Amino acid sequence: MKLFVTGVEGYIGTLLAPMLVERGHNVVGLDTGYYRDGNLYSDSRHFRTFPLILNKDLRLISASDLRGFDAVIHLAELSNDPLGQNNPAVTFKINHLGSVDLASNAKSVGVPRFVYASSCSVYGLGSGEFLDESSVPNPQTAYAECKVLVERDVGKLADDRFSPVFLRNATAYGASPRMRFDIVLNNLSGWAWTTKKIAMTSDGTPWRPLVHALDICKAIACAVEAPRETVHKQIFNVGSNSSNYRVKEIAEIVGQVFPGCEVTMGSSAGDNRSYRVNFDKITKGLPGFKCEWDARRGAEQLRGLFERIAMPKDVFEFRAFTRLKQLEFLIRTRQIDDEFYWRY
């Protein structure tokens, strides 16, 4: 198939594009380039198979950019809760309105399938029970609220010619050339490697479902390739039931993988998001999908990578590997304006 992938140079996109190419697809990517300042490592597989890239803001995509594609895979949004809270108005313009416009344009030129990277963060604050796709969302942030709105509004576009599918990804982790250290397992692994200490500011009791970035890519590929009747207007939680962890459990696993790492807990104050997620639907209902990673294997992957590149602390702390830091830098240096458009 001919696939249009937004956010192709991001944390997930740099892993997804080679996977899709290796599965026989023709990939064209789009990225506005906010995070090009940083590559944690080089990967010949990644660069050998990287697609043609359209350098363009999501909000400026036209219908003509999408003509002739068999599917649009949409990753390109402001990508986490702190970033969204920093500027909710722009977050809604990009993540909600930009995404709905993208889907509308795709439908208008006959693109038959639209795969949207949503998030389990839509569940927000649960009571401890396992939540599935039928559970009522309870978003706690602008980022999560936008995910709910996109699912609602793009879902309304579904008809006999246009088939959207929504993948609610658990919290991602794992190595990527375009690395992120602002997500929990990656962040804790970075601290364990550079300081041999994980000092939690919370008591670590909230629940978080985790999923490796490569398992997210696999879910996307399976959603693109699945029979229409299997995925049409469907929501799938992406992860595995065994990968629901308390945050303190994630810290303990990382501490065990990185020798000599001390793990301490803080108070119960802070982030109150806590949710456990049921992943039966995707495991049973999406052909070809099964998670291959767990938190321990992911931490071991990161330890091996850090050893291989001899990662120093200043690289771990480099702005391009933390989404909020990088966008604040681009604004401060007047490379992008307050609406996150490039100035030059």
Protein backbone atom coordinates (compact mmCIF):
# COMPACT_ATOMS: atom_id res chain seq x y z
CA MET A 1 0.00 0.00 0.00
CA LYS A 2 0.93 3.64 -0.38
CA LEU A 3 0.96 5.13 3.13
CA PHE A 4 1.14 8.73 4.35
CA VAL A 5 2.66 8.91 7.84
CA THR A 6 2.56 12.16 9.83
CA GLY A 7 5.18 12.72 12.53
CA VAL A 8 7.50 10.40 10.64
CA GLU A 9 10.65 11.89 12.19
CA GLY A 10 9.43 11.57 15.77
CA TYR A 11 10.00 9.01 18.52
CA ILE A 12 7.53 6.49 17.08
CA GLY A 13 7.77 7.57 13.45
CA THR A 14 11.48 6.84 13.09
CA LEU A 15 10.76 3.25 14.14
CA LEU A 16 7.49 2.88 12.25
CA ALA A 17 8.66 3.96 8.79
CA PRO A 18 11.36 1.26 8.43
CA MET A 19 8.95 -1.38 9.75
CA LEU A 20 6.31 -0.45 7.17
CA VAL A 21 8.86 -0.41 4.35
CA GLU A 22 10.16 -3.82 5.40
CA ARG A 23 6.56 -5.11 5.30
CA GLY A 24 6.42 -4.07 1.64
CA HIS A 25 4.65 -0.71 1.83
CA ASN A 26 5.50 2.54 0.03
CA VAL A 27 5.84 5.25 2.69
CA VAL A 28 5.72 9.02 2.33
CA GLY A 29 6.19 10.96 5.54
CA LEU A 30 5.33 14.37 6.89
CA ASP A 31 7.10 16.20 9.70
CA THR A 32 7.47 19.83 10.69
CA GLY A 33 10.90 19.17 12.18
CA TYR A 34 10.65 20.42 15.76
CA TYR A 35 12.93 17.66 17.07
CA ARG A 36 15.55 17.32 14.36
CA ASP A 37 18.21 18.78 16.65
CA GLY A 38 18.69 15.43 18.36
CA ASN A 39 19.56 11.87 17.34
CA LEU A 40 20.58 9.65 20.23
CA TYR A 41 22.20 7.07 17.97
CA SER A 42 22.54 6.07 14.33
CA ASP A 43 20.70 3.07 12.94
CA SER A 44 21.57 1.92 9.43
CA ARG A 45 18.20 0.16 9.14
CA HIS A 46 16.47 3.41 9.96
CA PHE A 47 18.39 5.54 7.47
CA ARG A 48 18.47 2.89 4.73
CA THR A 49 14.67 2.65 4.59
CA PHE A 50 13.66 6.19 5.55
CA PRO A 51 10.91 7.56 3.30
CA LEU A 52 10.40 10.66 1.25
CA ILE A 53 9.51 13.44 3.72
CA LEU A 54 7.21 16.41 3.21
CA ASN A 55 8.45 19.22 5.46
CA LYS A 56 5.17 20.86 6.41
CA ASP A 57 3.12 21.85 9.44
CA LEU A 58 0.16 19.57 10.13
CA ARG A 59 -2.14 22.60 10.03
CA LEU A 60 -1.05 23.45 6.49
CA ILE A 61 -1.71 20.08 4.85
CA SER A 62 -4.06 20.30 1.89
CA ALA A 63 -6.26 17.66 0.34
CA SER A 64 -3.94 17.51 -2.66
CA ASP A 65 -1.06 16.38 -0.39
CA LEU A 66 -3.07 13.25 0.42
CA ARG A 67 -4.36 12.27 -3.00
CA GLY A 68 -3.55 8.74 -4.11
CA PHE A 69 -2.77 7.21 -0.72
CA ASP A 70 -4.32 4.00 0.61
CA ALA A 71 -4.10 5.09 4.24
CA VAL A 72 -3.08 7.98 6.45
CA ILE A 73 -1.31 7.13 9.72
CA HIS A 74 -1.49 10.11 12.05
CA LEU A 75 1.15 10.52 14.76
CA ALA A 76 1.97 14.24 14.48
CA GLU A 77 0.62 16.06 17.51
CA LEU A 78 2.05 17.89 20.50
CA SER A 79 2.99 14.74 22.25
CA ASN A 80 2.54 14.70 26.00
CA ASP A 81 0.61 16.06 28.96
CA PRO A 82 3.08 18.69 30.31
CA LEU A 83 3.53 20.12 26.83
CA GLY A 84 -0.22 20.34 26.32
CA GLN A 85 -0.77 22.01 29.67
CA ASN A 86 1.92 24.58 28.88
CA ASN A 87 -0.17 26.00 26.03
CA PRO A 88 -3.67 24.46 25.95
CA ALA A 89 -4.97 26.83 23.25
CA VAL A 90 -2.30 25.84 20.73
CA THR A 91 -2.63 22.21 21.78
CA PHE A 92 -6.31 22.25 20.80
CA LYS A 93 -5.56 23.96 17.48
CA ILE A 94 -2.94 21.39 16.50
CA ASN A 95 -4.06 18.20 18.20
CA HIS A 96 -7.83 18.54 17.84
CA LEU A 97 -8.60 20.85 14.92
CA GLY A 98 -5.49 19.94 12.91
CA SER A 99 -6.19 16.23 13.25
CA VAL A 100 -9.86 16.54 12.28
CA ASP A 101 -8.94 18.69 9.26
CA LEU A 102 -6.36 16.07 8.23
CA ALA A 103 -8.99 13.33 8.36
CA SER A 104 -11.52 15.46 6.48
CA ASN A 105 -9.01 16.20 3.74
CA ALA A 106 -8.08 12.52 3.50
CA LYS A 107 -11.72 11.55 3.12
CA SER A 108 -12.34 14.25 0.51
CA VAL A 109 -9.74 12.77 -1.86
CA GLY A 110 -10.76 9.16 -1.34
CA VAL A 111 -8.22 7.86 1.17
CA PRO A 112 -10.03 4.78 2.47
CA ARG A 113 -8.33 4.27 5.86
CA PHE A 114 -7.21 6.60 8.65
CA VAL A 115 -5.21 5.23 11.59
CA TYR A 116 -5.09 7.59 14.56
CA ALA A 117 -2.58 7.31 17.40
CA SER A 118 -4.71 8.01 20.44
CA SER A 119 -3.72 7.34 24.05
CA CYS A 120 -4.75 5.44 27.16
CA SER A 121 -4.34 8.78 28.95
CA VAL A 122 -7.97 9.41 27.95
CA TYR A 123 -8.88 7.23 30.97
CA GLY A 124 -7.13 9.74 33.22
CA LEU A 125 -8.23 8.91 36.73
CA GLY A 126 -9.69 5.48 37.38
CA SER A 127 -10.97 3.84 40.55
CA GLY A 128 -8.61 0.87 40.26
CA GLU A 129 -10.68 -1.40 38.04
CA PHE A 130 -9.50 -2.45 34.61
CA LEU A 131 -10.80 -0.09 31.93
CA ASP A 132 -11.64 -1.22 28.43
CA GLU A 133 -12.68 0.51 25.22
CA SER A 134 -16.28 0.82 26.45
CA SER A 135 -15.26 2.66 29.63
CA VAL A 136 -16.18 6.35 29.82
CA PRO A 137 -13.07 8.51 29.25
CA ASN A 138 -12.01 10.77 32.11
CA PRO A 139 -9.29 13.02 30.62
CA GLN A 140 -7.30 15.09 33.11
CA THR A 141 -5.23 17.19 30.68
CA ALA A 142 -5.58 19.17 27.45
CA TYR A 143 -3.57 16.47 25.66
CA ALA A 144 -5.94 13.71 26.75
CA GLU A 145 -9.05 15.81 26.14
CA CYS A 146 -7.94 16.42 22.56
CA LYS A 147 -7.57 12.69 22.02
CA VAL A 148 -11.19 12.18 23.09
CA LEU A 149 -12.38 14.98 20.81
CA VAL A 150 -10.50 13.63 17.79
CA GLU A 151 -11.93 10.15 18.33
CA ARG A 152 -15.41 11.67 18.49
CA ASP A 153 -15.15 14.00 15.52
CA VAL A 154 -13.17 11.73 13.18
CA GLY A 155 -15.50 8.90 14.11
CA LYS A 156 -18.37 10.97 12.71
CA LEU A 157 -16.65 10.93 9.30
CA ALA A 158 -16.81 7.14 9.05
CA ASP A 159 -18.90 5.78 6.20
CA ASP A 160 -18.73 3.19 3.42
CA ARG A 161 -15.77 5.00 1.81
CA PHE A 162 -13.80 6.18 4.85
CA SER A 163 -12.70 3.86 7.64
CA PRO A 164 -11.00 5.36 10.70
CA VAL A 165 -9.45 3.25 13.47
CA PHE A 166 -8.30 4.59 16.83
CA LEU A 167 -5.33 3.10 18.71
CA ARG A 168 -5.24 4.08 22.38
CA ASN A 169 -1.57 3.48 23.11
CA ALA A 170 -0.36 2.82 26.63
CA THR A 171 2.61 4.90 27.82
CA ALA A 172 5.46 4.23 25.41
CA TYR A 173 9.02 3.25 26.26
CA GLY A 174 12.12 1.90 24.53
CA ALA A 175 15.00 3.00 22.35
CA SER A 176 14.52 5.17 19.26
CA PRO A 177 16.99 7.25 17.23
CA ARG A 178 14.76 10.28 17.89
CA MET A 179 14.72 9.53 21.61
CA ARG A 180 12.36 10.77 24.30
CA PHE A 181 13.46 10.98 27.92
CA ASP A 182 10.24 12.62 29.12
CA ILE A 183 8.29 9.35 29.42
CA VAL A 184 8.45 7.32 32.57
CA LEU A 185 10.53 4.20 31.91
CA ASN A 186 12.96 6.01 29.60
CA ASN A 187 13.33 8.83 32.11
CA LEU A 188 13.98 6.52 35.05
CA SER A 189 16.47 4.52 32.98
CA GLY A 190 18.33 7.71 32.11
CA TRP A 191 18.61 8.68 35.78
CA ALA A 192 19.68 5.17 36.74
CA TRP A 193 22.46 5.24 34.14
CA THR A 194 23.75 8.76 34.73
CA THR A 195 23.40 9.09 38.53
CA LYS A 196 22.82 5.53 39.82
CA LYS A 197 19.86 6.95 41.73
CA ILE A 198 16.11 7.10 41.16
CA ALA A 199 14.57 9.55 43.61
CA MET A 200 10.80 9.44 43.15
CA THR A 201 8.94 12.62 44.07
CA SER A 202 5.71 10.64 44.56
CA ASP A 203 4.93 7.46 46.46
CA GLY A 204 4.70 5.61 43.15
CA THR A 205 1.27 4.10 43.79
CA PRO A 206 -0.52 5.31 40.60
CA TRP A 207 -1.06 2.73 37.89
CA ARG A 208 0.36 3.10 34.39
CA PRO A 209 0.03 0.70 31.48
CA LEU A 210 3.23 0.56 29.41
CA VAL A 211 3.90 -0.54 25.83
CA HIS A 212 7.15 -0.66 23.89
CA ALA A 213 7.42 1.70 20.94
CA LEU A 214 8.02 -1.24 18.60
CA ASP A 215 4.81 -2.89 19.79
CA ILE A 216 2.98 0.36 19.01
CA CYS A 217 4.47 0.24 15.50
CA LYS A 218 3.35 -3.36 15.12
CA ALA A 219 -0.20 -2.43 16.16
CA ILE A 220 -0.25 0.38 13.59
CA ALA A 221 0.97 -1.94 10.83
CA CYS A 222 -1.63 -4.54 11.74
CA ALA A 223 -4.38 -1.90 11.77
CA VAL A 224 -3.38 -0.74 8.29
CA GLU A 225 -3.27 -4.27 6.91
CA ALA A 226 -6.36 -5.72 8.64
CA PRO A 227 -9.62 -6.39 6.79
CA ARG A 228 -11.85 -3.32 6.77
CA GLU A 229 -14.63 -4.98 8.72
CA THR A 230 -12.20 -5.79 11.54
CA VAL A 231 -11.11 -2.21 12.22
CA HIS A 232 -13.80 0.08 10.82
CA LYS A 233 -14.53 2.81 13.39
CA GLN A 234 -13.02 0.66 16.11
CA ILE A 235 -11.07 1.69 19.20
CA PHE A 236 -8.27 -0.60 20.39
CA ASN A 237 -6.28 -0.21 23.59
CA VAL A 238 -2.67 -0.97 22.63
CA GLY A 239 -0.66 -2.94 25.18
CA SER A 240 -0.94 -6.13 27.21
CA ASN A 241 -2.71 -6.93 30.45
CA SER A 242 0.55 -8.03 32.06
CA SER A 243 2.11 -4.59 31.47
CA ASN A 244 -0.03 -2.62 33.90
CA TYR A 245 2.45 -1.42 36.52
CA ARG A 246 2.44 0.85 39.52
CA VAL A 247 4.99 3.60 38.96
CA LYS A 248 7.03 2.33 41.91
CA GLU A 249 7.17 -1.10 40.25
CA ILE A 250 8.59 0.50 37.11
CA ALA A 251 11.23 2.25 39.24
CA GLU A 252 12.10 -1.01 41.01
CA ILE A 253 12.46 -2.91 37.72
CA VAL A 254 14.76 -0.22 36.32
CA GLY A 255 16.75 -0.18 39.57
CA GLN A 256 17.29 -3.94 39.30
CA VAL A 257 18.43 -3.76 35.67
CA PHE A 258 20.97 -0.96 36.28
CA PRO A 259 23.57 -2.26 38.77
CA GLY A 260 24.18 -0.17 41.88
CA CYS A 261 21.10 1.99 41.38
CA GLU A 262 19.41 3.26 44.55
CA VAL A 263 15.61 3.71 44.42
CA THR A 264 13.75 5.94 46.90
CA MET A 265 10.11 6.99 47.08
CA GLY A 266 8.55 10.36 47.94
CA SER A 267 5.16 11.49 49.23
CA SER A 268 1.77 10.86 47.68
CA ALA A 269 1.50 14.41 46.35
CA GLY A 270 1.78 15.17 42.64
CA ASP A 271 0.36 13.64 39.49
CA ASN A 272 -2.97 11.99 40.36
CA ARG A 273 -3.50 10.16 37.05
CA SER A 274 -3.91 6.46 37.72
CA TYR A 275 -5.52 3.87 35.49
CA ARG A 276 -5.30 0.15 34.69
CA VAL A 277 -6.29 -0.89 31.21
CA ASN A 278 -7.70 -4.06 29.71
CA PHE A 279 -6.12 -5.10 26.40
CA ASP A 280 -8.20 -8.18 25.56
CA LYS A 281 -9.80 -6.61 22.49
CA ILE A 282 -6.61 -5.97 20.55
CA THR A 283 -5.04 -9.27 21.61
CA LYS A 284 -8.05 -11.25 20.38
CA GLY A 285 -9.38 -9.02 17.63
CA LEU A 286 -6.52 -7.45 15.64
CA PRO A 287 -4.97 -10.06 13.32
CA GLY A 288 -1.23 -10.51 13.78
CA PHE A 289 -0.87 -8.39 16.92
CA LYS A 290 0.74 -9.49 20.14
CA CYS A 291 3.05 -7.51 22.41
CA GLU A 292 6.62 -8.81 22.39
CA TRP A 293 8.11 -6.58 25.10
CA ASP A 294 7.77 -5.99 28.83
CA ALA A 295 9.25 -3.35 31.14
CA ARG A 296 12.26 -5.43 32.18
CA ARG A 297 13.24 -6.24 28.61
CA GLY A 298 12.77 -2.56 27.70
CA ALA A 299 15.02 -1.42 30.54
CA GLU A 300 17.63 -4.00 29.47
CA GLN A 301 17.45 -2.67 25.91
CA LEU A 302 18.10 0.86 27.17
CA ARG A 303 20.96 -0.23 29.42
CA GLY A 304 22.59 -1.96 26.45
CA LEU A 305 22.17 1.13 24.31
CA PHE A 306 23.56 3.48 26.96
CA GLU A 307 26.57 1.22 27.36
CA ARG A 308 27.14 1.07 23.60
CA ILE A 309 27.07 4.85 23.11
CA ALA A 310 28.63 5.61 26.52
CA MET A 311 25.83 8.09 27.13
CA PRO A 312 26.93 11.03 29.32
CA LYS A 313 24.57 13.01 31.54
CA ASP A 314 24.55 16.07 29.27
CA VAL A 315 23.18 13.94 26.42
CA PHE A 316 20.46 12.53 28.69
CA GLU A 317 19.52 16.09 29.64
CA PHE A 318 19.75 17.51 26.10
CA ARG A 319 16.68 19.62 25.29
CA ALA A 320 15.80 17.80 22.06
CA PHE A 321 15.03 14.62 23.99
CA THR A 322 12.39 16.35 26.14
CA ARG A 323 9.47 17.72 24.14
CA LEU A 324 8.64 20.69 26.38
CA LYS A 325 12.29 21.79 26.67
CA GLN A 326 12.77 21.72 22.91
CA LEU A 327 9.68 23.76 22.06
CA GLU A 328 10.48 26.29 24.77
CA PHE A 329 13.95 26.60 23.21
CA LEU A 330 12.52 27.13 19.73
CA ILE A 331 10.21 29.86 21.04
CA ARG A 332 12.92 31.51 23.14
CA THR A 333 15.31 31.62 20.19
CA ARG A 334 12.52 32.95 17.94
CA GLN A 335 12.64 30.00 15.56
CA ILE A 336 8.91 29.37 16.05
CA ASP A 337 6.24 31.85 17.07
CA ASP A 338 3.71 31.62 19.89
CA GLU A 339 1.42 29.57 17.64
CA PHE A 340 4.28 27.11 16.99
CA TYR A 341 4.65 28.06 13.33
CA TRP A 342 8.22 28.32 11.99
CA ARG A 343 9.29 31.96 11.53
CA TYR A 344 11.74 31.23 8.70
